């Protein structure tokens, strides 16, 4: 698996306005804060944590990034931004942020909560940058590229036992970004629950997914994929 033993999705924002929301929609509790109050973990009801929150001083809208746990070899095109102790911060060729951190001995993937589960980080990449970016992430993670049913998407097949998989999406926008996806047994019911907790609907693609915006303005999707641990 290219030295990657676990993936953690980070929810980055300039304030804590969406933290209670994410605890509620994932059925998690918030850990004690660390790093001077900047960081906290979303502790799942079972299994090991794979989502965390960060209060950042960087300008810009709320966003996401990935932490890779293990010892992956960063391929050419990855730019080192910061090395501090056992943490290394990089940017991909398209500018997507990610961190490399040590891995624990063993991880257990959590199960769905209320028929839904965050199980995917989608990398949104402009068409002109897509091929290089997809090759970079496949090499970095050691995951295999696989076409999706829809031509704008490619899946990087996750390693056995990982909580998050990586989806690559071709976009028409000028800049790359990341967003989290839920897999849900019932998209409409899950969306209704999220709206009741403070999200707003951005767009609906019937039979496929609904894009929402959390209380911090961060977009994410609820998809019709199975939340089972496949």
Protein backbone atom coordinates (compact mmCIF):
# COMPACT_ATOMS: atom_id res chain seq x y z
CA UNK A 1 0.00 0.00 0.00
CA UNK A 2 2.90 2.35 -0.63
CA UNK A 3 3.54 2.56 3.12
CA UNK A 4 0.07 4.03 3.82
CA UNK A 5 -1.64 2.22 6.70
CA UNK A 6 -4.46 4.69 7.50
CA UNK A 7 -6.01 7.88 6.16
CA UNK A 8 -7.43 10.69 8.30
CA UNK A 9 -9.69 13.37 6.88
CA UNK A 10 -9.21 16.82 8.40
CA UNK A 11 -11.94 19.48 8.52
CA UNK A 12 -10.12 22.82 8.46
CA UNK A 13 -11.79 26.13 9.32
CA UNK A 14 -11.01 29.48 10.90
CA UNK A 15 -13.45 28.82 13.75
CA UNK A 16 -15.29 26.00 15.53
CA UNK A 17 -18.75 26.78 14.12
CA UNK A 18 -19.19 23.39 12.41
CA UNK A 19 -17.62 21.10 15.01
CA UNK A 20 -20.84 20.25 16.86
CA UNK A 21 -22.51 19.63 13.50
CA UNK A 22 -19.89 17.10 12.43
CA UNK A 23 -20.05 15.34 15.77
CA UNK A 24 -23.83 15.05 15.37
CA UNK A 25 -23.88 13.79 11.76
CA UNK A 26 -21.12 11.22 12.38
CA UNK A 27 -22.32 10.09 15.81
CA UNK A 28 -18.95 11.07 17.26
CA UNK A 29 -17.77 12.87 20.36
CA UNK A 30 -15.09 15.56 20.41
CA UNK A 31 -11.81 14.70 22.10
CA UNK A 32 -9.85 17.02 24.36
CA UNK A 33 -8.24 19.78 22.35
CA UNK A 34 -4.51 19.85 21.75
CA UNK A 35 -1.94 21.91 19.92
CA UNK A 36 -2.90 25.06 21.80
CA UNK A 37 -6.59 24.38 21.17
CA UNK A 38 -6.24 24.07 17.41
CA UNK A 39 -6.85 20.34 17.00
CA UNK A 40 -9.43 17.79 18.16
CA UNK A 41 -10.48 14.31 17.09
CA UNK A 42 -13.97 13.11 16.21
CA UNK A 43 -14.09 9.98 18.36
CA UNK A 44 -16.41 7.36 16.80
CA UNK A 45 -18.75 5.12 18.76
CA UNK A 46 -16.69 2.11 17.65
CA UNK A 47 -13.44 1.55 15.82
CA UNK A 48 -10.59 4.02 15.42
CA UNK A 49 -10.82 7.72 14.66
CA UNK A 50 -10.34 8.84 11.07
CA UNK A 51 -11.79 12.37 11.15
CA UNK A 52 -10.30 15.39 12.90
CA UNK A 53 -10.95 19.14 13.09
CA UNK A 54 -8.43 21.96 12.92
CA UNK A 55 -8.80 25.67 13.60
CA UNK A 56 -6.47 27.32 11.13
CA UNK A 57 -5.16 30.85 10.85
CA UNK A 58 -4.82 30.54 7.09
CA UNK A 59 -7.16 32.81 5.11
CA UNK A 60 -9.84 31.30 2.93
CA UNK A 61 -13.01 29.24 3.24
CA UNK A 62 -13.44 26.08 5.32
CA UNK A 63 -11.81 23.13 3.58
CA UNK A 64 -10.37 19.62 3.98
CA UNK A 65 -7.04 17.87 3.81
CA UNK A 66 -5.71 14.33 4.21
CA UNK A 67 -3.22 12.87 6.66
CA UNK A 68 -1.40 9.76 5.44
CA UNK A 69 -0.31 7.52 8.32
CA UNK A 70 2.74 5.42 7.57
CA UNK A 71 5.85 5.87 5.51
CA UNK A 72 4.80 6.64 1.92
CA UNK A 73 7.39 7.78 -0.58
CA UNK A 74 6.34 11.19 -1.88
CA UNK A 75 6.76 11.09 -5.67
CA UNK A 76 8.20 13.89 -7.82
CA UNK A 77 5.87 16.88 -7.91
CA UNK A 78 5.13 16.83 -4.19
CA UNK A 79 6.36 20.02 -2.51
CA UNK A 80 7.47 19.96 1.13
CA UNK A 81 5.93 22.90 3.00
CA UNK A 82 6.83 22.12 6.61
CA UNK A 83 8.80 19.48 8.52
CA UNK A 84 8.26 19.58 12.26
CA UNK A 85 9.12 16.59 14.43
CA UNK A 86 7.35 13.53 13.01
CA UNK A 87 4.96 15.67 10.90
CA UNK A 88 5.66 16.58 7.27
CA UNK A 89 3.31 18.87 5.35
CA UNK A 90 3.23 18.75 1.55
CA UNK A 91 1.32 20.05 -1.44
CA UNK A 92 0.55 17.94 -4.49
CA UNK A 93 1.30 19.10 -8.06
CA UNK A 94 -2.17 20.70 -8.22
CA UNK A 95 -1.67 22.35 -4.83
CA UNK A 96 -3.72 19.98 -2.63
CA UNK A 97 -2.44 19.85 0.97
CA UNK A 98 -1.62 16.61 2.73
CA UNK A 99 0.43 15.50 5.72
CA UNK A 100 2.56 12.44 6.38
CA UNK A 101 2.51 11.21 9.99
CA UNK A 102 3.53 7.98 11.78
CA UNK A 103 1.16 5.01 11.86
CA UNK A 104 -0.13 3.20 14.92
CA UNK A 105 0.26 -0.54 15.25
CA UNK A 106 -3.34 -1.41 14.40
CA UNK A 107 -6.48 0.31 13.11
CA UNK A 108 -10.13 -0.77 13.16
CA UNK A 109 -12.58 0.79 10.72
CA UNK A 110 -15.76 2.19 12.35
CA UNK A 111 -19.21 1.10 11.20
CA UNK A 112 -22.12 3.19 9.85
CA UNK A 113 -24.16 5.40 12.16
CA UNK A 114 -27.86 5.78 11.38
CA UNK A 115 -27.42 4.15 7.99
CA UNK A 116 -24.69 6.56 6.85
CA UNK A 117 -20.92 6.79 7.01
CA UNK A 118 -18.22 9.22 5.88
CA UNK A 119 -16.14 6.89 3.74
CA UNK A 120 -14.59 8.97 0.98
CA UNK A 121 -12.39 11.99 0.35
CA UNK A 122 -12.98 13.40 -3.12
CA UNK A 123 -10.13 15.26 -4.80
CA UNK A 124 -11.62 17.86 -7.14
CA UNK A 125 -9.09 18.56 -9.88
CA UNK A 126 -9.32 20.77 -12.99
CA UNK A 127 -9.39 18.73 -16.20
CA UNK A 128 -6.05 20.10 -17.43
CA UNK A 129 -4.28 18.94 -14.24
CA UNK A 130 -6.16 15.69 -13.71
CA UNK A 131 -3.87 13.09 -15.28
CA UNK A 132 -0.73 14.25 -13.50
CA UNK A 133 -2.60 14.59 -10.21
CA UNK A 134 -4.19 11.14 -10.46
CA UNK A 135 -0.83 9.54 -11.19
CA UNK A 136 0.72 11.43 -8.27
CA UNK A 137 -1.88 10.23 -5.76
CA UNK A 138 -1.83 6.65 -7.08
CA UNK A 139 1.96 6.57 -6.67
CA UNK A 140 1.85 8.28 -3.25
CA UNK A 141 -0.74 5.90 -1.78
CA UNK A 142 0.07 2.76 -3.74
CA UNK A 143 -3.63 2.48 -4.60
CA UNK A 144 -4.83 1.31 -8.04
CA UNK A 145 -6.70 3.68 -10.35
CA UNK A 146 -10.09 2.36 -11.44
CA UNK A 147 -12.64 4.01 -13.78
CA UNK A 148 -16.00 4.91 -12.29
CA UNK A 149 -19.44 4.50 -13.84
CA UNK A 150 -19.35 8.24 -14.55
CA UNK A 151 -16.58 9.52 -16.86
CA UNK A 152 -15.63 12.49 -14.68
CA UNK A 153 -14.63 10.22 -11.77
CA UNK A 154 -11.86 7.73 -11.00
CA UNK A 155 -11.52 5.67 -7.84
CA UNK A 156 -8.25 4.89 -6.11
CA UNK A 157 -8.90 1.44 -4.66
CA UNK A 158 -8.29 1.71 -0.92
CA UNK A 159 -6.18 -0.73 1.01
CA UNK A 160 -7.85 -3.42 3.10
CA UNK A 161 -9.36 -2.08 6.32
CA UNK A 162 -9.01 1.63 5.55
CA UNK A 163 -11.91 3.84 6.64
CA UNK A 164 -11.52 6.35 3.80
CA UNK A 165 -11.16 5.76 0.11
CA UNK A 166 -9.97 8.38 -2.40
CA UNK A 167 -12.10 9.52 -5.33
CA UNK A 168 -10.70 11.70 -8.13
CA UNK A 169 -13.09 14.11 -9.89
CA UNK A 170 -12.44 16.10 -13.05
CA UNK A 171 -13.81 19.62 -12.64
CA UNK A 172 -14.13 22.73 -14.76
CA UNK A 173 -12.96 25.06 -12.00
CA UNK A 174 -9.61 26.88 -11.93
CA UNK A 175 -8.29 25.40 -8.68
CA UNK A 176 -8.12 21.99 -7.01
CA UNK A 177 -9.88 21.20 -3.73
CA UNK A 178 -11.12 18.38 -1.52
CA UNK A 179 -14.46 17.43 -0.01
CA UNK A 180 -15.82 14.57 2.10
CA UNK A 181 -18.58 12.20 1.00
CA UNK A 182 -21.07 10.18 3.02
CA UNK A 183 -22.33 6.80 1.81
CA UNK A 184 -26.00 6.47 2.81
CA UNK A 185 -28.66 3.77 2.73
CA UNK A 186 -31.31 6.48 2.27
CA UNK A 187 -30.00 9.72 0.76
CA UNK A 188 -33.23 11.70 1.28
CA UNK A 189 -33.52 10.73 4.94
CA UNK A 190 -29.84 11.44 5.61
CA UNK A 191 -30.05 14.82 3.87
CA UNK A 192 -33.17 15.73 5.86
CA UNK A 193 -31.37 14.86 9.09
CA UNK A 194 -28.34 16.97 8.14
CA UNK A 195 -30.52 19.93 7.18
CA UNK A 196 -32.25 19.64 10.54
CA UNK A 197 -28.85 19.86 12.21
CA UNK A 198 -27.82 22.99 10.32
CA UNK A 199 -26.70 22.06 6.80
CA UNK A 200 -28.14 23.62 3.63
CA UNK A 201 -28.73 21.93 0.27
CA UNK A 202 -26.59 23.17 -2.62
CA UNK A 203 -27.72 20.82 -5.41
CA UNK A 204 -29.42 17.46 -5.91
CA UNK A 205 -28.52 14.81 -8.49
CA UNK A 206 -31.47 12.38 -8.25
CA UNK A 207 -30.41 8.78 -7.75
CA UNK A 208 -26.75 9.76 -7.27
CA UNK A 209 -25.93 12.35 -4.60
CA UNK A 210 -26.88 15.59 -2.89
CA UNK A 211 -24.34 18.33 -2.22
CA UNK A 212 -24.73 20.18 1.06
CA UNK A 213 -23.00 23.03 2.87
CA UNK A 214 -22.16 22.72 6.57
CA UNK A 215 -22.47 25.59 9.10
CA UNK A 216 -18.91 26.74 8.30
CA UNK A 217 -19.69 26.97 4.56
CA UNK A 218 -17.81 23.78 3.63
CA UNK A 219 -19.40 21.66 0.89
CA UNK A 220 -19.73 17.88 1.16
CA UNK A 221 -21.90 15.19 -0.44
CA UNK A 222 -24.32 12.48 0.62
CA UNK A 223 -24.19 9.69 -1.95
CA UNK A 224 -26.33 6.66 -2.71
CA UNK A 225 -23.44 4.22 -2.30
CA UNK A 226 -23.76 1.51 0.31
CA UNK A 227 -22.29 2.41 3.72
CA UNK A 228 -21.41 -1.23 4.33
CA UNK A 229 -17.83 -2.07 5.16
CA UNK A 230 -16.82 -3.31 1.72
